Amino acid sequence: MPPDVDGAQLAMAGDVWHIRVLGRSGGVGPTAVPMLLLGFWPEEEAEGQAVREALIVGRTLEALTTLDLENALAASREPRGPSQRPTREERRPRRRGDGASGGRGP
């Protein structure tokens, strides 16, 4: 894989955004889809925690077009804080009959 750039800038709707890759996933096997977690910072807050995040298909930040970055920013949302992340119980799929889905319990 070619080396990635450290970051990018995007001017959109009169604002300048700094963009960095926060994480990567997939892309190893022939059917795996490479994903990038992008972080967005407004120009005046270019350090600290990202203000917005977006998960997009891609291998490197450098390979993304301006349109890709614009679409990612438009689809981005505020990062979830540790207290907002679902617990293990909340992530567990509910099974029929466990009382949580309206089915009959034991």
N, C-alpha and C. Protein backbone atom coordinates (compact mmCIF):
# COMPACT_ATOMS: atom_id res chain seq x y z
N MET A 1 0.85 -1.17 0.00
CA MET A 1 0.00 0.00 0.00
C MET A 1 0.90 1.24 0.00
N PRO A 2 0.57 2.24 -0.83
CA PRO A 2 1.38 3.45 -0.85
C PRO A 2 1.24 4.22 0.46
N PRO A 3 2.27 4.97 0.84
CA PRO A 3 2.16 5.74 2.08
C PRO A 3 1.05 6.78 1.97
N ASP A 4 0.37 7.01 3.06
CA ASP A 4 -0.75 7.95 3.08
C ASP A 4 -0.24 9.34 3.45
N VAL A 5 -0.95 10.36 3.01
CA VAL A 5 -0.63 11.72 3.42
C VAL A 5 -1.09 11.91 4.86
N ASP A 6 -0.50 12.89 5.55
CA ASP A 6 -0.85 13.13 6.95
C ASP A 6 -2.25 13.69 7.11
N GLY A 7 -2.68 14.49 6.16
CA GLY A 7 -3.99 15.11 6.28
C GLY A 7 -4.32 15.87 5.01
N ALA A 8 -5.52 16.39 5.00
CA ALA A 8 -5.97 17.17 3.85
C ALA A 8 -6.81 18.33 4.36
N GLN A 9 -7.04 19.28 3.49
CA GLN A 9 -7.92 20.40 3.79
C GLN A 9 -9.02 20.44 2.75
N LEU A 10 -10.19 20.88 3.18
CA LEU A 10 -11.33 20.98 2.29
C LEU A 10 -12.06 22.28 2.58
N ALA A 11 -12.26 23.08 1.54
CA ALA A 11 -13.07 24.30 1.67
C ALA A 11 -14.47 23.95 1.20
N MET A 12 -15.45 24.14 2.10
CA MET A 12 -16.83 23.80 1.75
C MET A 12 -17.78 24.75 2.46
N ALA A 13 -18.67 25.35 1.72
CA ALA A 13 -19.68 26.28 2.25
C ALA A 13 -19.05 27.41 3.05
N GLY A 14 -17.92 27.91 2.57
CA GLY A 14 -17.26 29.04 3.23
C GLY A 14 -16.40 28.66 4.42
N ASP A 15 -16.34 27.39 4.77
CA ASP A 15 -15.53 26.93 5.90
C ASP A 15 -14.37 26.09 5.38
N VAL A 16 -13.27 26.10 6.12
CA VAL A 16 -12.13 25.24 5.80
C VAL A 16 -12.07 24.16 6.87
N TRP A 17 -12.01 22.90 6.42
CA TRP A 17 -11.95 21.74 7.31
C TRP A 17 -10.63 21.03 7.15
N HIS A 18 -10.05 20.60 8.27
CA HIS A 18 -8.86 19.73 8.27
C HIS A 18 -9.37 18.30 8.40
N ILE A 19 -8.78 17.41 7.62
CA ILE A 19 -9.24 16.01 7.59
C ILE A 19 -8.05 15.10 7.85
N ARG A 20 -8.24 14.11 8.72
CA ARG A 20 -7.22 13.10 9.00
C ARG A 20 -7.86 11.73 9.10
N VAL A 21 -7.09 10.70 8.82
CA VAL A 21 -7.55 9.32 8.97
C VAL A 21 -7.41 8.95 10.44
N LEU A 22 -8.52 8.55 11.06
CA LEU A 22 -8.52 8.12 12.46
C LEU A 22 -8.39 6.61 12.59
N GLY A 23 -8.78 5.87 11.55
CA GLY A 23 -8.71 4.42 11.61
C GLY A 23 -8.92 3.80 10.25
N ARG A 24 -8.53 2.53 10.14
CA ARG A 24 -8.66 1.76 8.90
C ARG A 24 -9.19 0.38 9.24
N SER A 25 -9.86 -0.21 8.25
CA SER A 25 -10.38 -1.55 8.44
C SER A 25 -10.52 -2.23 7.09
N GLY A 26 -10.46 -3.56 7.09
CA GLY A 26 -10.72 -4.34 5.88
C GLY A 26 -9.65 -4.20 4.82
N GLY A 27 -9.97 -4.71 3.65
CA GLY A 27 -9.06 -4.59 2.53
C GLY A 27 -8.00 -5.66 2.44
N VAL A 28 -8.01 -6.66 3.30
CA VAL A 28 -6.97 -7.68 3.30
C VAL A 28 -7.30 -8.81 2.33
N GLY A 29 -8.48 -9.36 2.41
CA GLY A 29 -8.88 -10.47 1.55
C GLY A 29 -9.47 -9.97 0.24
N PRO A 30 -9.68 -10.90 -0.70
CA PRO A 30 -10.20 -10.50 -2.01
C PRO A 30 -11.61 -9.92 -1.97
N THR A 31 -12.39 -10.25 -0.95
CA THR A 31 -13.76 -9.71 -0.87
C THR A 31 -13.92 -8.67 0.23
N ALA A 32 -12.84 -8.38 0.95
CA ALA A 32 -12.91 -7.39 2.03
C ALA A 32 -12.92 -5.98 1.45
N VAL A 33 -13.75 -5.13 2.00
CA VAL A 33 -13.87 -3.76 1.54
C VAL A 33 -13.01 -2.87 2.43
N PRO A 34 -12.07 -2.11 1.85
CA PRO A 34 -11.24 -1.23 2.68
C PRO A 34 -12.06 -0.02 3.14
N MET A 35 -11.98 0.29 4.42
CA MET A 35 -12.74 1.39 5.00
C MET A 35 -11.79 2.35 5.72
N LEU A 36 -12.13 3.62 5.68
CA LEU A 36 -11.40 4.66 6.41
C LEU A 36 -12.36 5.38 7.34
N LEU A 37 -11.91 5.63 8.56
CA LEU A 37 -12.64 6.48 9.47
C LEU A 37 -11.96 7.84 9.41
N LEU A 38 -12.67 8.84 8.89
CA LEU A 38 -12.11 10.17 8.74
C LEU A 38 -12.57 11.07 9.88
N GLY A 39 -11.66 11.89 10.36
CA GLY A 39 -11.98 12.90 11.37
C GLY A 39 -11.91 14.27 10.72
N PHE A 40 -12.84 15.14 11.11
CA PHE A 40 -12.92 16.50 10.55
C PHE A 40 -12.80 17.53 11.67
N TRP A 41 -11.96 18.53 11.43
CA TRP A 41 -11.77 19.62 12.37
C TRP A 41 -11.97 20.94 11.62
N PRO A 42 -12.73 21.88 12.19
CA PRO A 42 -12.81 23.20 11.56
C PRO A 42 -11.45 23.87 11.69
N GLU A 43 -11.16 24.78 10.78
CA GLU A 43 -9.84 25.42 10.72
C GLU A 43 -9.41 25.99 12.06
N GLU A 44 -10.33 26.61 12.79
CA GLU A 44 -9.97 27.25 14.06
C GLU A 44 -9.77 26.25 15.19
N GLU A 45 -10.13 24.98 15.01
CA GLU A 45 -9.97 23.94 16.04
C GLU A 45 -9.24 22.74 15.46
N ALA A 46 -8.08 22.95 14.86
CA ALA A 46 -7.39 21.89 14.13
C ALA A 46 -6.71 20.85 15.02
N GLU A 47 -6.82 20.96 16.32
CA GLU A 47 -6.21 19.99 17.24
C GLU A 47 -7.27 19.42 18.16
N GLY A 48 -6.88 18.43 18.95
CA GLY A 48 -7.82 17.81 19.89
C GLY A 48 -8.69 16.77 19.20
N GLN A 49 -9.84 16.48 19.80
CA GLN A 49 -10.75 15.47 19.25
C GLN A 49 -11.48 16.03 18.04
N ALA A 50 -11.70 15.17 17.05
CA ALA A 50 -12.42 15.56 15.84
C ALA A 50 -13.82 16.05 16.21
N VAL A 51 -14.30 17.03 15.46
CA VAL A 51 -15.64 17.58 15.66
C VAL A 51 -16.68 16.73 14.94
N ARG A 52 -16.27 16.12 13.82
CA ARG A 52 -17.14 15.27 13.01
C ARG A 52 -16.36 14.03 12.60
N GLU A 53 -17.06 12.94 12.29
CA GLU A 53 -16.45 11.70 11.81
C GLU A 53 -17.30 11.11 10.69
N ALA A 54 -16.63 10.40 9.79
CA ALA A 54 -17.35 9.68 8.74
C ALA A 54 -16.58 8.42 8.39
N LEU A 55 -17.31 7.34 8.15
CA LEU A 55 -16.74 6.06 7.72
C LEU A 55 -17.02 5.94 6.22
N ILE A 56 -15.96 5.79 5.43
CA ILE A 56 -16.13 5.71 3.98
C ILE A 56 -15.28 4.59 3.40
N VAL A 57 -15.61 4.18 2.20
CA VAL A 57 -14.83 3.17 1.48
C VAL A 57 -13.61 3.85 0.91
N GLY A 58 -12.43 3.26 1.15
CA GLY A 58 -11.19 3.80 0.60
C GLY A 58 -9.99 3.18 1.27
N ARG A 59 -8.86 3.25 0.58
CA ARG A 59 -7.61 2.70 1.12
C ARG A 59 -6.73 3.78 1.73
N THR A 60 -6.65 4.95 1.09
CA THR A 60 -5.80 6.03 1.58
C THR A 60 -6.52 7.36 1.43
N LEU A 61 -6.16 8.31 2.26
CA LEU A 61 -6.70 9.66 2.16
C LEU A 61 -6.29 10.30 0.84
N GLU A 62 -5.08 10.03 0.43
CA GLU A 62 -4.54 10.61 -0.80
C GLU A 62 -5.33 10.18 -2.04
N ALA A 63 -5.90 8.99 -2.02
CA ALA A 63 -6.63 8.47 -3.18
C ALA A 63 -8.05 9.03 -3.29
N LEU A 64 -8.53 9.73 -2.25
CA LEU A 64 -9.89 10.27 -2.27
C LEU A 64 -9.93 11.57 -3.06
N THR A 65 -11.01 11.75 -3.81
CA THR A 65 -11.18 12.97 -4.59
C THR A 65 -11.82 14.06 -3.71
N THR A 66 -11.83 15.27 -4.21
CA THR A 66 -12.50 16.36 -3.50
C THR A 66 -13.97 16.03 -3.31
N LEU A 67 -14.59 15.46 -4.32
CA LEU A 67 -16.00 15.08 -4.21
C LEU A 67 -16.19 14.01 -3.13
N ASP A 68 -15.28 13.03 -3.05
CA ASP A 68 -15.34 12.02 -1.99
C ASP A 68 -15.32 12.68 -0.61
N LEU A 69 -14.42 13.65 -0.43
CA LEU A 69 -14.28 14.33 0.85
C LEU A 69 -15.50 15.19 1.16
N GLU A 70 -16.04 15.86 0.14
CA GLU A 70 -17.25 16.66 0.33
C GLU A 70 -18.42 15.78 0.75
N ASN A 71 -18.57 14.65 0.09
CA ASN A 71 -19.65 13.71 0.44
C ASN A 71 -19.46 13.15 1.84
N ALA A 72 -18.21 12.84 2.20
CA ALA A 72 -17.93 12.32 3.54
C ALA A 72 -18.26 13.35 4.60
N LEU A 73 -17.89 14.60 4.36
CA LEU A 73 -18.20 15.66 5.33
C LEU A 73 -19.71 15.86 5.43
N ALA A 74 -20.40 15.85 4.31
CA ALA A 74 -21.86 16.01 4.32
C ALA A 74 -22.54 14.88 5.08
N ALA A 75 -21.98 13.67 5.03
CA ALA A 75 -22.57 12.51 5.70
C ALA A 75 -22.03 12.31 7.11
N SER A 76 -21.08 13.14 7.53
CA SER A 76 -20.43 12.95 8.84
C SER A 76 -21.38 13.31 9.97
N ARG A 77 -20.98 12.86 11.17
CA ARG A 77 -21.74 13.19 12.37
C ARG A 77 -20.79 13.37 13.53
N GLU A 78 -21.31 13.88 14.63
CA GLU A 78 -20.48 14.09 15.81
C GLU A 78 -19.99 12.74 16.32
N PRO A 79 -18.73 12.69 16.77
CA PRO A 79 -18.22 11.42 17.33
C PRO A 79 -19.00 11.05 18.59
N ARG A 80 -19.15 9.76 18.79
CA ARG A 80 -19.80 9.29 20.01
C ARG A 80 -18.78 9.30 21.13
N GLY A 81 -19.16 9.86 22.25
CA GLY A 81 -18.30 9.85 23.42
C GLY A 81 -18.37 8.50 24.10
N PRO A 82 -17.47 8.22 25.03
CA PRO A 82 -17.47 6.93 25.72
C PRO A 82 -18.81 6.62 26.39
N SER A 83 -19.48 7.63 26.93
CA SER A 83 -20.75 7.38 27.61
C SER A 83 -21.89 7.16 26.62
N GLN A 84 -21.69 7.50 25.34
CA GLN A 84 -22.73 7.33 24.34
C GLN A 84 -22.62 6.00 23.60
N ARG A 85 -21.52 5.30 23.76
CA ARG A 85 -21.34 4.03 23.06
C ARG A 85 -22.26 2.99 23.67
N PRO A 86 -22.85 2.14 22.83
CA PRO A 86 -23.74 1.10 23.37
C PRO A 86 -22.96 0.10 24.22
N THR A 87 -23.60 -0.39 25.28
CA THR A 87 -22.97 -1.41 26.12
C THR A 87 -23.01 -2.75 25.39
N ARG A 88 -22.33 -3.73 25.93
CA ARG A 88 -22.33 -5.07 25.34
C ARG A 88 -23.75 -5.63 25.28
N GLU A 89 -24.53 -5.40 26.33
CA GLU A 89 -25.91 -5.88 26.35
C GLU A 89 -26.75 -5.19 25.27
N GLU A 90 -26.51 -3.91 25.05
CA GLU A 90 -27.27 -3.18 24.03
C GLU A 90 -26.89 -3.64 22.62
N ARG A 91 -25.65 -4.08 22.42
CA ARG A 91 -25.20 -4.56 21.11
C ARG A 91 -25.61 -5.99 20.84
N ARG A 92 -25.93 -6.75 21.91
CA ARG A 92 -26.27 -8.17 21.77
C ARG A 92 -27.57 -8.31 20.99
N PRO A 93 -27.57 -9.14 19.95
CA PRO A 93 -28.82 -9.36 19.23
C PRO A 93 -29.87 -9.98 20.14
N ARG A 94 -31.07 -9.53 20.02
CA ARG A 94 -32.15 -10.07 20.84
C ARG A 94 -32.70 -11.32 20.18
N ARG A 95 -32.93 -12.33 21.01
CA ARG A 95 -33.48 -13.59 20.49
C ARG A 95 -34.94 -13.71 20.88
N ARG A 96 -35.62 -14.38 20.05
CA ARG A 96 -37.04 -14.60 20.29
C ARG A 96 -37.21 -15.35 21.61
N GLY A 97 -38.12 -14.86 22.42
CA GLY A 97 -38.42 -15.56 23.68
C GLY A 97 -37.57 -15.09 24.85
N ASP A 98 -36.70 -14.06 24.66
CA ASP A 98 -35.91 -13.62 25.80
C ASP A 98 -36.62 -12.54 26.60
N GLY A 99 -37.88 -12.25 26.23
CA GLY A 99 -38.67 -11.28 26.98
C GLY A 99 -38.48 -9.86 26.49
N ALA A 100 -37.44 -9.57 25.74
CA ALA A 100 -37.15 -8.22 25.30
C ALA A 100 -37.83 -7.89 24.00
N SER A 101 -38.25 -8.88 23.22
CA SER A 101 -38.82 -8.59 21.91
C SER A 101 -40.32 -8.80 21.87
N GLY A 102 -40.94 -8.93 23.00
CA GLY A 102 -42.38 -9.09 23.04
C GLY A 102 -42.83 -10.54 22.95
N GLY A 103 -41.91 -11.47 22.81
CA GLY A 103 -42.27 -12.89 22.75
C GLY A 103 -42.59 -13.40 24.13
N ARG A 104 -43.08 -14.59 24.20
CA ARG A 104 -43.40 -15.19 25.49
C ARG A 104 -42.13 -15.63 26.18
N GLY A 105 -42.03 -15.33 27.44
CA GLY A 105 -40.88 -15.75 28.24
C GLY A 105 -41.07 -17.17 28.73
N PRO A 106 -40.07 -17.70 29.41
CA PRO A 106 -40.16 -19.07 29.93
C PRO A 106 -41.20 -19.24 30.98
